[in-house]
Amino acid sequence: MTDSVNRPSHYTFGNIECIDAMKAMSSREEFLGYLRLTHLKYNWRLKHKHGDPIECAEKAQWYWNRFVQELKETESN
């Protein structure tokens, strides 16, 4: 079964996930900004997008969790 929140198959080609490629080609500030703004996007459209609002909330949470994870990794270095 495909996990459309944590590992959507349409964002992975071979063993590389799109988000990992984006991180590799971005500065720390750019990547953190992307995560923060994508989190905002999913929260913003939660009540307005047709479909599953729980999935939108889970995606928002996923991006925020990744944002916090990235902060922790860069702060500990």
C-alpha atoms as a PDB file:
ATOM      1  CA  MET A   1       0.000   0.000   0.000  1.00  0.00           C
ATOM      2  CA  THR A   2       1.243   3.493  -0.841  1.00  0.00           C
ATOM      3  CA  ASP A   3       1.765   5.955   1.989  1.00  0.00           C
ATOM      4  CA  SER A   4       0.592   9.241   0.482  1.00  0.00           C
ATOM      5  CA  VAL A   5       1.838  11.274   3.464  1.00  0.00           C
ATOM      6  CA  ASN A   6       5.219   9.903   4.529  1.00  0.00           C
ATOM      7  CA  ARG A   7       6.560   8.378   1.315  1.00  0.00           C
ATOM      8  CA  PRO A   8       4.411   9.080  -1.728  1.00  0.00           C
ATOM      9  CA  SER A   9       5.521   6.875  -4.611  1.00  0.00           C
ATOM     10  CA  HIS A  10       5.167   9.704  -7.134  1.00  0.00           C
ATOM     11  CA  TYR A  11       7.974  11.612  -5.351  1.00  0.00           C
ATOM     12  CA  THR A  12      10.503   8.766  -5.536  1.00  0.00           C
ATOM     13  CA  PHE A  13      12.474   7.668  -8.570  1.00  0.00           C
ATOM     14  CA  GLY A  14      14.813   4.774  -7.922  1.00  0.00           C
ATOM     15  CA  ASN A  15      16.153   5.279  -4.415  1.00  0.00           C
ATOM     16  CA  ILE A  16      16.049   9.083  -4.434  1.00  0.00           C
ATOM     17  CA  GLU A  17      13.164  11.029  -2.973  1.00  0.00           C
ATOM     18  CA  CYS A  18      12.489  14.467  -4.410  1.00  0.00           C
ATOM     19  CA  ILE A  19      12.796  16.138  -0.991  1.00  0.00           C
ATOM     20  CA  ASP A  20      16.313  14.734  -0.554  1.00  0.00           C
ATOM     21  CA  ALA A  21      17.342  16.043  -3.982  1.00  0.00           C
ATOM     22  CA  MET A  22      15.853  19.446  -3.083  1.00  0.00           C
ATOM     23  CA  LYS A  23      17.824  19.503   0.167  1.00  0.00           C
ATOM     24  CA  ALA A  24      21.037  18.621  -1.671  1.00  0.00           C
ATOM     25  CA  MET A  25      20.646  21.513  -4.121  1.00  0.00           C
ATOM     26  CA  SER A  26      19.521  24.121  -1.573  1.00  0.00           C
ATOM     27  CA  SER A  27      21.228  26.147   1.088  1.00  0.00           C
ATOM     28  CA  ARG A  28      20.201  25.495   4.682  1.00  0.00           C
ATOM     29  CA  GLU A  29      18.100  28.664   4.730  1.00  0.00           C
ATOM     30  CA  GLU A  30      16.389  27.835   1.435  1.00  0.00           C
ATOM     31  CA  PHE A  31      15.498  24.318   2.543  1.00  0.00           C
ATOM     32  CA  LEU A  32      14.193  25.432   5.940  1.00  0.00           C
ATOM     33  CA  GLY A  33      12.133  28.111   4.189  1.00  0.00           C
ATOM     34  CA  TYR A  34      10.696  25.534   1.808  1.00  0.00           C
ATOM     35  CA  LEU A  35       9.675  23.261   4.690  1.00  0.00           C
ATOM     36  CA  ARG A  36       8.154  26.128   6.683  1.00  0.00           C
ATOM     37  CA  LEU A  37       6.195  27.497   3.750  1.00  0.00           C
ATOM     38  CA  THR A  38       4.963  24.085   2.603  1.00  0.00           C
ATOM     39  CA  HIS A  39       3.729  23.453   6.148  1.00  0.00           C
ATOM     40  CA  LEU A  40       1.844  26.745   5.944  1.00  0.00           C
ATOM     41  CA  LYS A  41       0.380  25.807   2.536  1.00  0.00           C
ATOM     42  CA  TYR A  42      -1.160  22.588   3.832  1.00  0.00           C
ATOM     43  CA  ASN A  43      -2.595  24.340   6.891  1.00  0.00           C
ATOM     44  CA  TRP A  44      -3.894  27.225   4.772  1.00  0.00           C
ATOM     45  CA  ARG A  45      -5.899  25.039   2.403  1.00  0.00           C
ATOM     46  CA  LEU A  46      -7.028  22.497   4.982  1.00  0.00           C
ATOM     47  CA  LYS A  47     -10.659  23.624   5.065  1.00  0.00           C
ATOM     48  CA  HIS A  48     -10.862  24.688   1.426  1.00  0.00           C
ATOM     49  CA  LYS A  49      -9.374  21.857  -0.623  1.00  0.00           C
ATOM     50  CA  HIS A  50     -11.669  19.102  -1.775  1.00  0.00           C
ATOM     51  CA  GLY A  51     -10.564  15.739  -0.527  1.00  0.00           C
ATOM     52  CA  ASP A  52      -9.361  14.445   2.792  1.00  0.00           C
ATOM     53  CA  PRO A  53      -8.704  17.209   5.354  1.00  0.00           C
ATOM     54  CA  ILE A  54      -7.007  14.694   7.638  1.00  0.00           C
ATOM     55  CA  GLU A  55      -4.479  13.924   4.919  1.00  0.00           C
ATOM     56  CA  CYS A  56      -3.766  17.654   4.492  1.00  0.00           C
ATOM     57  CA  ALA A  57      -3.277  17.968   8.259  1.00  0.00           C
ATOM     58  CA  GLU A  58      -0.950  14.956   8.267  1.00  0.00           C
ATOM     59  CA  LYS A  59       1.075  16.437   5.407  1.00  0.00           C
ATOM     60  CA  ALA A  60       1.334  19.757   7.265  1.00  0.00           C
ATOM     61  CA  GLN A  61       2.522  17.861  10.323  1.00  0.00           C
ATOM     62  CA  TRP A  62       5.036  15.898   8.230  1.00  0.00           C
ATOM     63  CA  TYR A  63       6.596  19.114   6.883  1.00  0.00           C
ATOM     64  CA  TRP A  64       6.716  20.681  10.352  1.00  0.00           C
ATOM     65  CA  ASN A  65       8.314  17.559  11.818  1.00  0.00           C
ATOM     66  CA  ARG A  66      10.919  17.609   9.050  1.00  0.00           C
ATOM     67  CA  PHE A  67      11.523  21.315   9.714  1.00  0.00           C
ATOM     68  CA  VAL A  68      12.175  20.604  13.412  1.00  0.00           C
ATOM     69  CA  GLN A  69      14.386  17.625  12.522  1.00  0.00           C
ATOM     70  CA  GLU A  70      16.473  19.794  10.197  1.00  0.00           C
ATOM     71  CA  LEU A  71      16.821  22.477  12.890  1.00  0.00           C
ATOM     72  CA  LYS A  72      18.002  19.897  15.397  1.00  0.00           C
ATOM     73  CA  GLU A  73      20.534  18.455  12.962  1.00  0.00           C
ATOM     74  CA  THR A  74      22.008  21.813  12.049  1.00  0.00           C
ATOM     75  CA  GLU A  75      22.036  23.115  15.629  1.00  0.00           C
ATOM     76  CA  SER A  76      23.886  20.037  16.888  1.00  0.00           C
ATOM     77  CA  ASN A  77      26.705  20.475  14.335  1.00  0.00           C
END
